[in-house]
Amino acid sequence: GLTERGIESARAGEAARISSGRPGLAILLATGDRIADFRDVWIGVPPRVTSDPGDAGRLAGELVDSVSPLLDSIKQRHAEEVADTKRDRDRQQRELRRAGQELLANGLEILASVYADAASAQFGGYVRNTDLPMADLIAATPHDAVRNAELCLEAVVALKRNQRPLLVLTVLIMDLADG
């Protein structure tokens, strides 16, 4: 595992979770600061949500762009592999698209966990993201927080149906602003 490679257990756990069980991606994520930056982008969403469509579009663009540094690690690995044939290059492109989709889905799951924590914290329940200030967690009512977590998970389904990520995330942010 990652800890046998000298990677701190908390970082290894986060990398494993974000990589959706893909060992190669987990290793790439755990060996750099990209994983912390990725998580920070997603947990920083709630206070930035506004009902302005332009703001929603810009924030959605930032979320889509948050996967780029992580995908760069995969591209670098591909560059080290020999892509002799069109078939190899096509396989690599499919792998990049799939990894990008999975990373966005995992970002949405991180965001959903923030909203779930917000509801749970107000009832004295378990909080997964213990590094977030309590004031941030109790900013929304439990009802709105649960609704927002559900919206994030519905966006995961939309992404897995191959809908356009920027559109899915923009609509999500607009829906989050309504709550």
Protein backbone atom coordinates (compact mmCIF):
# COMPACT_ATOMS: atom_id res chain seq x y z
CA GLY A 1 0.00 0.00 0.00
CA LEU A 2 0.84 3.64 0.10
CA THR A 3 2.02 3.62 3.72
CA GLU A 4 4.64 0.98 2.86
CA ARG A 5 6.01 3.51 0.35
CA GLY A 6 6.62 5.96 3.19
CA ILE A 7 3.50 8.03 2.64
CA GLU A 8 1.82 9.41 5.78
CA SER A 9 -1.33 7.43 6.60
CA ALA A 10 -3.73 10.42 6.48
CA ARG A 11 -2.39 11.47 3.06
CA ALA A 12 -2.48 7.85 1.88
CA GLY A 13 -6.11 7.51 2.98
CA GLU A 14 -7.16 10.71 1.24
CA ALA A 15 -5.30 9.71 -1.94
CA ALA A 16 -6.92 6.27 -1.90
CA ARG A 17 -10.38 7.76 -1.43
CA ILE A 18 -9.99 10.41 -4.14
CA SER A 19 -8.48 7.91 -6.61
CA SER A 20 -11.49 5.58 -6.31
CA GLY A 21 -9.31 2.56 -5.67
CA ARG A 22 -7.03 3.10 -8.68
CA PRO A 23 -3.57 2.30 -7.24
CA GLY A 24 -1.54 4.12 -9.90
CA LEU A 25 -3.55 7.29 -9.49
CA ALA A 26 -3.40 7.00 -5.69
CA ILE A 27 0.39 6.86 -5.81
CA LEU A 28 0.56 9.90 -8.10
CA LEU A 29 -1.80 11.85 -5.86
CA ALA A 30 -0.14 10.91 -2.60
CA THR A 31 3.35 11.91 -3.69
CA GLY A 32 2.62 15.58 -4.24
CA ASP A 33 0.75 18.51 -2.76
CA ARG A 34 -1.90 18.29 -5.44
CA ILE A 35 -4.24 16.20 -3.33
CA ALA A 36 -4.46 18.80 -0.56
CA ASP A 37 -5.03 21.55 -3.10
CA PHE A 38 -7.77 19.51 -4.80
CA ARG A 39 -9.57 18.93 -1.50
CA ASP A 40 -9.19 22.57 -0.49
CA VAL A 41 -10.88 23.73 -3.70
CA TRP A 42 -13.89 21.50 -3.10
CA ILE A 43 -14.34 22.14 0.62
CA GLY A 44 -14.07 25.86 -0.09
CA VAL A 45 -17.20 25.87 -2.28
CA PRO A 46 -20.04 26.50 0.25
CA PRO A 47 -19.10 30.05 1.28
CA ARG A 48 -18.54 30.99 -2.37
CA VAL A 49 -21.96 29.93 -3.65
CA THR A 50 -24.05 32.87 -4.86
CA SER A 51 -27.19 33.16 -6.94
CA ASP A 52 -25.36 35.16 -9.63
CA PRO A 53 -25.13 33.03 -12.81
CA GLY A 54 -21.76 34.54 -13.70
CA ASP A 55 -20.33 33.62 -10.30
CA ALA A 56 -21.76 30.11 -10.65
CA GLY A 57 -20.13 29.70 -14.05
CA ARG A 58 -16.76 30.95 -12.81
CA LEU A 59 -16.85 28.69 -9.74
CA ALA A 60 -17.87 25.71 -11.89
CA GLY A 61 -14.94 26.48 -14.18
CA GLU A 62 -12.57 26.48 -11.20
CA LEU A 63 -13.95 23.12 -10.10
CA VAL A 64 -13.47 21.63 -13.56
CA ASP A 65 -9.95 23.08 -13.64
CA SER A 66 -9.17 21.60 -10.19
CA VAL A 67 -8.63 18.20 -11.80
CA SER A 68 -6.02 19.50 -14.28
CA PRO A 69 -2.97 19.24 -11.97
CA LEU A 70 -3.99 15.70 -11.07
CA LEU A 71 -4.49 14.78 -14.72
CA ASP A 72 -1.09 16.29 -15.50
CA SER A 73 0.43 13.55 -13.33
CA ILE A 74 -1.30 10.94 -15.45
CA LYS A 75 -0.18 12.67 -18.65
CA GLN A 76 3.38 12.68 -17.36
CA ARG A 77 3.16 8.94 -16.72
CA HIS A 78 1.81 8.48 -20.25
CA ALA A 79 4.71 10.48 -21.66
CA GLU A 80 7.08 8.05 -19.96
CA GLU A 81 5.25 5.13 -21.55
CA VAL A 82 5.81 4.56 -25.21
CA ALA A 83 2.68 5.36 -27.20
CA ASP A 84 3.73 3.73 -30.43
CA THR A 85 0.37 3.29 -32.00
CA LYS A 86 -2.83 5.18 -32.48
CA ARG A 87 -4.47 2.46 -30.40
CA ASP A 88 -2.16 3.25 -27.45
CA ARG A 89 -2.82 6.98 -27.76
CA ASP A 90 -6.58 6.38 -27.94
CA ARG A 91 -6.39 4.17 -24.84
CA GLN A 92 -4.49 6.87 -23.00
CA GLN A 93 -7.06 9.51 -24.01
CA ARG A 94 -9.90 7.30 -22.77
CA GLU A 95 -8.03 6.76 -19.50
CA LEU A 96 -7.60 10.54 -19.09
CA ARG A 97 -11.30 11.21 -19.74
CA ARG A 98 -12.31 8.48 -17.31
CA ALA A 99 -9.88 9.74 -14.66
CA GLY A 100 -11.15 13.32 -15.09
CA GLN A 101 -14.73 12.17 -14.67
CA GLU A 102 -13.84 10.12 -11.58
CA LEU A 103 -11.91 13.01 -10.04
CA LEU A 104 -14.85 15.38 -10.55
CA ALA A 105 -17.18 12.79 -9.03
CA ASN A 106 -14.85 12.44 -6.06
CA GLY A 107 -14.71 16.21 -5.69
CA LEU A 108 -18.50 16.24 -5.57
CA GLU A 109 -18.42 13.53 -2.92
CA ILE A 110 -16.02 15.66 -0.88
CA LEU A 111 -18.42 18.59 -1.22
CA ALA A 112 -21.37 16.36 -0.26
CA SER A 113 -19.44 15.28 2.84
CA VAL A 114 -19.06 18.93 3.88
CA TYR A 115 -22.82 19.43 3.65
CA ALA A 116 -23.48 16.13 5.44
CA ASP A 117 -21.11 17.26 8.20
CA ALA A 118 -23.01 20.55 8.44
CA ALA A 119 -26.23 18.68 9.16
CA SER A 120 -24.63 16.17 11.49
CA ALA A 121 -22.70 18.78 13.51
CA GLN A 122 -25.90 20.57 14.43
CA PHE A 123 -27.22 17.40 16.07
CA GLY A 124 -23.95 16.49 17.77
CA GLY A 125 -23.26 13.70 15.26
CA TYR A 126 -20.12 12.47 13.57
CA VAL A 127 -18.17 15.03 11.53
CA ARG A 128 -15.85 13.67 8.86
CA ASN A 129 -14.07 16.93 7.95
CA THR A 130 -12.80 17.81 11.42
CA ASP A 131 -10.47 20.50 10.06
CA LEU A 132 -13.37 22.76 9.05
CA PRO A 133 -14.41 25.53 11.46
CA MET A 134 -17.63 24.76 13.29
CA ALA A 135 -19.02 28.17 12.28
CA ASP A 136 -18.78 27.10 8.64
CA LEU A 137 -20.57 23.85 9.37
CA ILE A 138 -23.56 25.46 11.06
CA ALA A 139 -24.09 28.18 8.46
CA ALA A 140 -26.90 26.21 6.78
CA THR A 141 -29.94 24.65 8.41
CA PRO A 142 -29.77 20.85 8.71
CA HIS A 143 -32.56 20.56 6.13
CA ASP A 144 -30.70 22.74 3.59
CA ALA A 145 -27.41 20.97 4.30
CA VAL A 146 -28.94 17.53 3.63
CA ARG A 147 -30.64 18.87 0.50
CA ASN A 148 -27.32 20.27 -0.72
CA ALA A 149 -25.52 16.97 -0.06
CA GLU A 150 -28.19 15.20 -2.12
CA LEU A 151 -27.79 17.73 -4.93
CA CYS A 152 -24.04 17.03 -5.00
CA LEU A 153 -24.64 13.29 -5.23
CA GLU A 154 -27.22 13.81 -7.99
CA ALA A 155 -24.55 15.75 -9.89
CA VAL A 156 -22.29 12.69 -9.64
CA VAL A 157 -24.98 10.67 -11.39
CA ALA A 158 -25.27 13.34 -14.09
CA LEU A 159 -21.52 13.24 -14.68
CA LYS A 160 -21.55 9.46 -14.94
CA ARG A 161 -24.22 9.82 -17.63
CA ASN A 162 -21.60 11.74 -19.62
CA GLN A 163 -23.26 15.12 -19.30
CA ARG A 164 -20.97 18.11 -19.77
CA PRO A 165 -19.07 18.72 -16.52
CA LEU A 166 -19.13 22.53 -16.73
CA LEU A 167 -22.88 22.53 -17.27
CA VAL A 168 -23.52 19.98 -14.49
CA LEU A 169 -21.45 21.99 -12.02
CA THR A 170 -22.94 25.35 -13.00
CA VAL A 171 -26.47 24.00 -12.53
CA LEU A 172 -25.42 22.47 -9.22
CA ILE A 173 -24.04 25.73 -7.91
CA MET A 174 -27.19 27.59 -8.95
CA ASP A 175 -29.26 24.92 -7.17
CA LEU A 176 -27.08 25.19 -4.05
CA ALA A 177 -27.70 28.95 -4.03
CA ASP A 178 -31.44 28.35 -3.95
CA GLY A 179 -31.20 26.54 -0.61
